[in-house]
Amino acid sequence: MNAELKRKHFVHFQHTKEKTSYEEIEERNLSEIVIPPSVLYFHFYDQIVGFCVENDKKFPINSDILDQSPRHYYGGKIYNHWQIERDRSDLSILLFNMRHGGHKEVILCENGDWHLLNDEDIFIKKK
């Protein structure tokens, strides 16, 4: 059996809860990424891809996701627990999830979705 494998870099864009897209990139360079206008967040990852040949048949090979970066949120507004409690007391489920999940902040995305922020998540202000 012969195999031809290569590690490749990708960026995964999350547009909505259901809609995602990804593209292969040369390197993980934030300044080189063109962010589509509808993106809520994105992250980088690597994957081993290629093919193997056995009995003159080619079989594709794709590894699991490797070295996934934190989420990069693009646009929106960040709120801490106190701000939500003071200004948006109607969001009791969000407050509960923040308290019990240990999340200090949330982001209100431009499409109106709330996301719990992890400490490693990155916020990029829209220009």
C-alpha atoms as a PDB file:
ATOM      1  CA  MET A   1       0.000   0.000   0.000  1.00  0.00           C
ATOM      2  CA  ASN A   2       1.279   3.475  -0.927  1.00  0.00           C
ATOM      3  CA  ALA A   3       0.011   6.697   0.643  1.00  0.00           C
ATOM      4  CA  GLU A   4       0.402  10.368  -0.132  1.00  0.00           C
ATOM      5  CA  LEU A   5      -0.482  12.552   2.844  1.00  0.00           C
ATOM      6  CA  LYS A   6      -0.137  16.253   3.585  1.00  0.00           C
ATOM      7  CA  ARG A   7      -1.058  18.484   6.519  1.00  0.00           C
ATOM      8  CA  LYS A   8      -3.319  21.319   5.341  1.00  0.00           C
ATOM      9  CA  HIS A   9      -4.690  24.440   7.045  1.00  0.00           C
ATOM     10  CA  PHE A  10      -8.342  25.476   6.949  1.00  0.00           C
ATOM     11  CA  VAL A  11     -10.607  28.202   8.261  1.00  0.00           C
ATOM     12  CA  HIS A  12     -14.162  27.292   9.279  1.00  0.00           C
ATOM     13  CA  PHE A  13     -16.788  30.066   9.104  1.00  0.00           C
ATOM     14  CA  GLN A  14     -20.011  29.873  11.122  1.00  0.00           C
ATOM     15  CA  HIS A  15     -22.667  32.007   9.391  1.00  0.00           C
ATOM     16  CA  THR A  16     -25.763  30.863  11.335  1.00  0.00           C
ATOM     17  CA  LYS A  17     -26.565  27.902  13.556  1.00  0.00           C
ATOM     18  CA  GLU A  18     -27.106  25.797  10.444  1.00  0.00           C
ATOM     19  CA  LYS A  19     -24.934  27.401   7.777  1.00  0.00           C
ATOM     20  CA  THR A  20     -21.185  26.882   7.762  1.00  0.00           C
ATOM     21  CA  SER A  21     -18.439  27.107   5.186  1.00  0.00           C
ATOM     22  CA  TYR A  22     -14.728  26.455   5.134  1.00  0.00           C
ATOM     23  CA  GLU A  23     -11.785  27.069   2.902  1.00  0.00           C
ATOM     24  CA  GLU A  24      -8.250  25.841   2.621  1.00  0.00           C
ATOM     25  CA  ILE A  25      -5.621  28.478   3.436  1.00  0.00           C
ATOM     26  CA  GLU A  26      -1.858  28.660   2.981  1.00  0.00           C
ATOM     27  CA  GLU A  27      -1.181  29.555   6.621  1.00  0.00           C
ATOM     28  CA  ARG A  28      -2.998  30.600   9.780  1.00  0.00           C
ATOM     29  CA  ASN A  29      -2.592  34.321   9.279  1.00  0.00           C
ATOM     30  CA  LEU A  30      -5.474  36.448  10.540  1.00  0.00           C
ATOM     31  CA  SER A  31      -4.541  39.398   8.342  1.00  0.00           C
ATOM     32  CA  GLU A  32      -4.836  37.222   5.219  1.00  0.00           C
ATOM     33  CA  ILE A  33      -8.379  35.997   5.948  1.00  0.00           C
ATOM     34  CA  VAL A  34     -11.256  37.533   4.010  1.00  0.00           C
ATOM     35  CA  ILE A  35     -14.215  37.317   6.387  1.00  0.00           C
ATOM     36  CA  PRO A  36     -17.592  36.979   4.645  1.00  0.00           C
ATOM     37  CA  PRO A  37     -20.122  39.605   5.821  1.00  0.00           C
ATOM     38  CA  SER A  38     -22.566  37.111   7.376  1.00  0.00           C
ATOM     39  CA  VAL A  39     -20.014  35.374   9.636  1.00  0.00           C
ATOM     40  CA  LEU A  40     -20.681  35.139  13.383  1.00  0.00           C
ATOM     41  CA  TYR A  41     -17.351  33.526  14.229  1.00  0.00           C
ATOM     42  CA  PHE A  42     -14.594  31.448  12.708  1.00  0.00           C
ATOM     43  CA  HIS A  43     -11.741  29.219  13.795  1.00  0.00           C
ATOM     44  CA  PHE A  44      -8.654  27.687  12.255  1.00  0.00           C
ATOM     45  CA  TYR A  45      -7.828  23.994  12.147  1.00  0.00           C
ATOM     46  CA  ASP A  46      -5.506  21.549  10.425  1.00  0.00           C
ATOM     47  CA  GLN A  47      -6.207  18.203   8.839  1.00  0.00           C
ATOM     48  CA  ILE A  48      -4.082  15.448   7.327  1.00  0.00           C
ATOM     49  CA  VAL A  49      -5.468  14.790   3.843  1.00  0.00           C
ATOM     50  CA  GLY A  50      -4.442  12.697   0.885  1.00  0.00           C
ATOM     51  CA  PHE A  51      -4.982   9.278  -0.519  1.00  0.00           C
ATOM     52  CA  CYS A  52      -3.684   5.738  -0.415  1.00  0.00           C
ATOM     53  CA  VAL A  53      -3.396   3.282  -3.263  1.00  0.00           C
ATOM     54  CA  GLU A  54      -4.081  -0.401  -2.804  1.00  0.00           C
ATOM     55  CA  ASN A  55      -4.536  -2.877  -5.656  1.00  0.00           C
ATOM     56  CA  ASP A  56      -4.506   0.038  -8.129  1.00  0.00           C
ATOM     57  CA  LYS A  57      -7.454   1.703  -6.380  1.00  0.00           C
ATOM     58  CA  LYS A  58      -7.203   5.197  -4.878  1.00  0.00           C
ATOM     59  CA  PHE A  59      -8.856   5.827  -1.498  1.00  0.00           C
ATOM     60  CA  PRO A  60      -9.200   9.329   0.005  1.00  0.00           C
ATOM     61  CA  ILE A  61      -7.894   9.881   3.519  1.00  0.00           C
ATOM     62  CA  ASN A  62      -8.982  12.682   5.875  1.00  0.00           C
ATOM     63  CA  SER A  63      -7.886  12.833   9.490  1.00  0.00           C
ATOM     64  CA  ASP A  64      -9.869  14.218  12.371  1.00  0.00           C
ATOM     65  CA  ILE A  65      -9.552  17.960  13.028  1.00  0.00           C
ATOM     66  CA  LEU A  66      -6.149  18.852  14.473  1.00  0.00           C
ATOM     67  CA  ASP A  67      -5.009  21.905  16.449  1.00  0.00           C
ATOM     68  CA  GLN A  68      -8.319  23.764  16.383  1.00  0.00           C
ATOM     69  CA  SER A  69      -7.953  27.406  17.413  1.00  0.00           C
ATOM     70  CA  PRO A  70     -10.307  29.270  19.740  1.00  0.00           C
ATOM     71  CA  ARG A  71     -13.327  30.936  18.179  1.00  0.00           C
ATOM     72  CA  HIS A  72     -12.755  34.353  16.650  1.00  0.00           C
ATOM     73  CA  TYR A  73     -15.969  36.375  16.978  1.00  0.00           C
ATOM     74  CA  TYR A  74     -16.334  39.074  14.361  1.00  0.00           C
ATOM     75  CA  GLY A  75     -18.504  42.028  15.343  1.00  0.00           C
ATOM     76  CA  GLY A  76     -21.274  42.078  17.918  1.00  0.00           C
ATOM     77  CA  LYS A  77     -21.210  43.380  21.469  1.00  0.00           C
ATOM     78  CA  ILE A  78     -19.791  41.779  24.616  1.00  0.00           C
ATOM     79  CA  TYR A  79     -21.711  41.842  27.908  1.00  0.00           C
ATOM     80  CA  ASN A  80     -20.654  40.660  31.341  1.00  0.00           C
ATOM     81  CA  HIS A  81     -22.948  38.995  33.882  1.00  0.00           C
ATOM     82  CA  TRP A  82     -23.665  42.230  35.736  1.00  0.00           C
ATOM     83  CA  GLN A  83     -24.685  44.077  32.544  1.00  0.00           C
ATOM     84  CA  ILE A  84     -27.073  41.291  31.541  1.00  0.00           C
ATOM     85  CA  GLU A  85     -28.584  41.185  35.020  1.00  0.00           C
ATOM     86  CA  ARG A  86     -29.023  44.977  35.093  1.00  0.00           C
ATOM     87  CA  ASP A  87     -30.138  45.645  31.487  1.00  0.00           C
ATOM     88  CA  ARG A  88     -31.665  42.369  30.262  1.00  0.00           C
ATOM     89  CA  SER A  89     -33.329  40.631  33.192  1.00  0.00           C
ATOM     90  CA  ASP A  90     -35.621  38.927  30.636  1.00  0.00           C
ATOM     91  CA  LEU A  91     -32.700  36.665  29.757  1.00  0.00           C
ATOM     92  CA  SER A  92     -32.915  34.440  32.842  1.00  0.00           C
ATOM     93  CA  ILE A  93     -31.895  31.288  30.949  1.00  0.00           C
ATOM     94  CA  LEU A  94     -28.788  33.014  29.620  1.00  0.00           C
ATOM     95  CA  LEU A  95     -27.935  34.235  33.141  1.00  0.00           C
ATOM     96  CA  PHE A  96     -28.420  30.702  34.484  1.00  0.00           C
ATOM     97  CA  ASN A  97     -26.157  29.253  31.785  1.00  0.00           C
ATOM     98  CA  MET A  98     -23.506  31.894  32.490  1.00  0.00           C
ATOM     99  CA  ARG A  99     -23.536  31.195  36.233  1.00  0.00           C
ATOM    100  CA  HIS A 100     -23.525  27.416  36.000  1.00  0.00           C
ATOM    101  CA  GLY A 101     -21.097  27.221  33.081  1.00  0.00           C
ATOM    102  CA  GLY A 102     -18.584  29.604  34.644  1.00  0.00           C
ATOM    103  CA  HIS A 103     -18.836  32.081  31.759  1.00  0.00           C
ATOM    104  CA  LYS A 104     -17.878  35.649  32.647  1.00  0.00           C
ATOM    105  CA  GLU A 105     -19.056  37.157  29.363  1.00  0.00           C
ATOM    106  CA  VAL A 106     -21.450  36.619  26.472  1.00  0.00           C
ATOM    107  CA  ILE A 107     -21.616  38.147  23.034  1.00  0.00           C
ATOM    108  CA  LEU A 108     -24.692  39.442  21.283  1.00  0.00           C
ATOM    109  CA  CYS A 109     -23.953  38.665  17.644  1.00  0.00           C
ATOM    110  CA  GLU A 110     -25.136  40.967  14.886  1.00  0.00           C
ATOM    111  CA  ASN A 111     -27.857  38.482  13.883  1.00  0.00           C
ATOM    112  CA  GLY A 112     -29.364  38.631  17.406  1.00  0.00           C
ATOM    113  CA  ASP A 113     -27.927  35.313  18.678  1.00  0.00           C
ATOM    114  CA  TRP A 114     -26.349  35.168  22.131  1.00  0.00           C
ATOM    115  CA  HIS A 115     -23.194  33.073  22.559  1.00  0.00           C
ATOM    116  CA  LEU A 116     -21.424  32.164  25.782  1.00  0.00           C
ATOM    117  CA  LEU A 117     -17.786  33.257  25.599  1.00  0.00           C
ATOM    118  CA  ASN A 118     -14.995  30.994  26.764  1.00  0.00           C
ATOM    119  CA  ASP A 119     -11.857  32.553  28.243  1.00  0.00           C
ATOM    120  CA  GLU A 120      -9.841  31.635  25.142  1.00  0.00           C
ATOM    121  CA  ASP A 121     -12.331  33.095  22.610  1.00  0.00           C
ATOM    122  CA  ILE A 122     -11.159  36.144  20.661  1.00  0.00           C
ATOM    123  CA  PHE A 123     -13.264  39.209  19.830  1.00  0.00           C
ATOM    124  CA  ILE A 124     -12.541  41.182  16.656  1.00  0.00           C
ATOM    125  CA  LYS A 125     -14.213  44.561  16.374  1.00  0.00           C
ATOM    126  CA  LYS A 126     -15.673  45.319  12.946  1.00  0.00           C
ATOM    127  CA  LYS A 127     -14.140  48.309  11.225  1.00  0.00           C
END
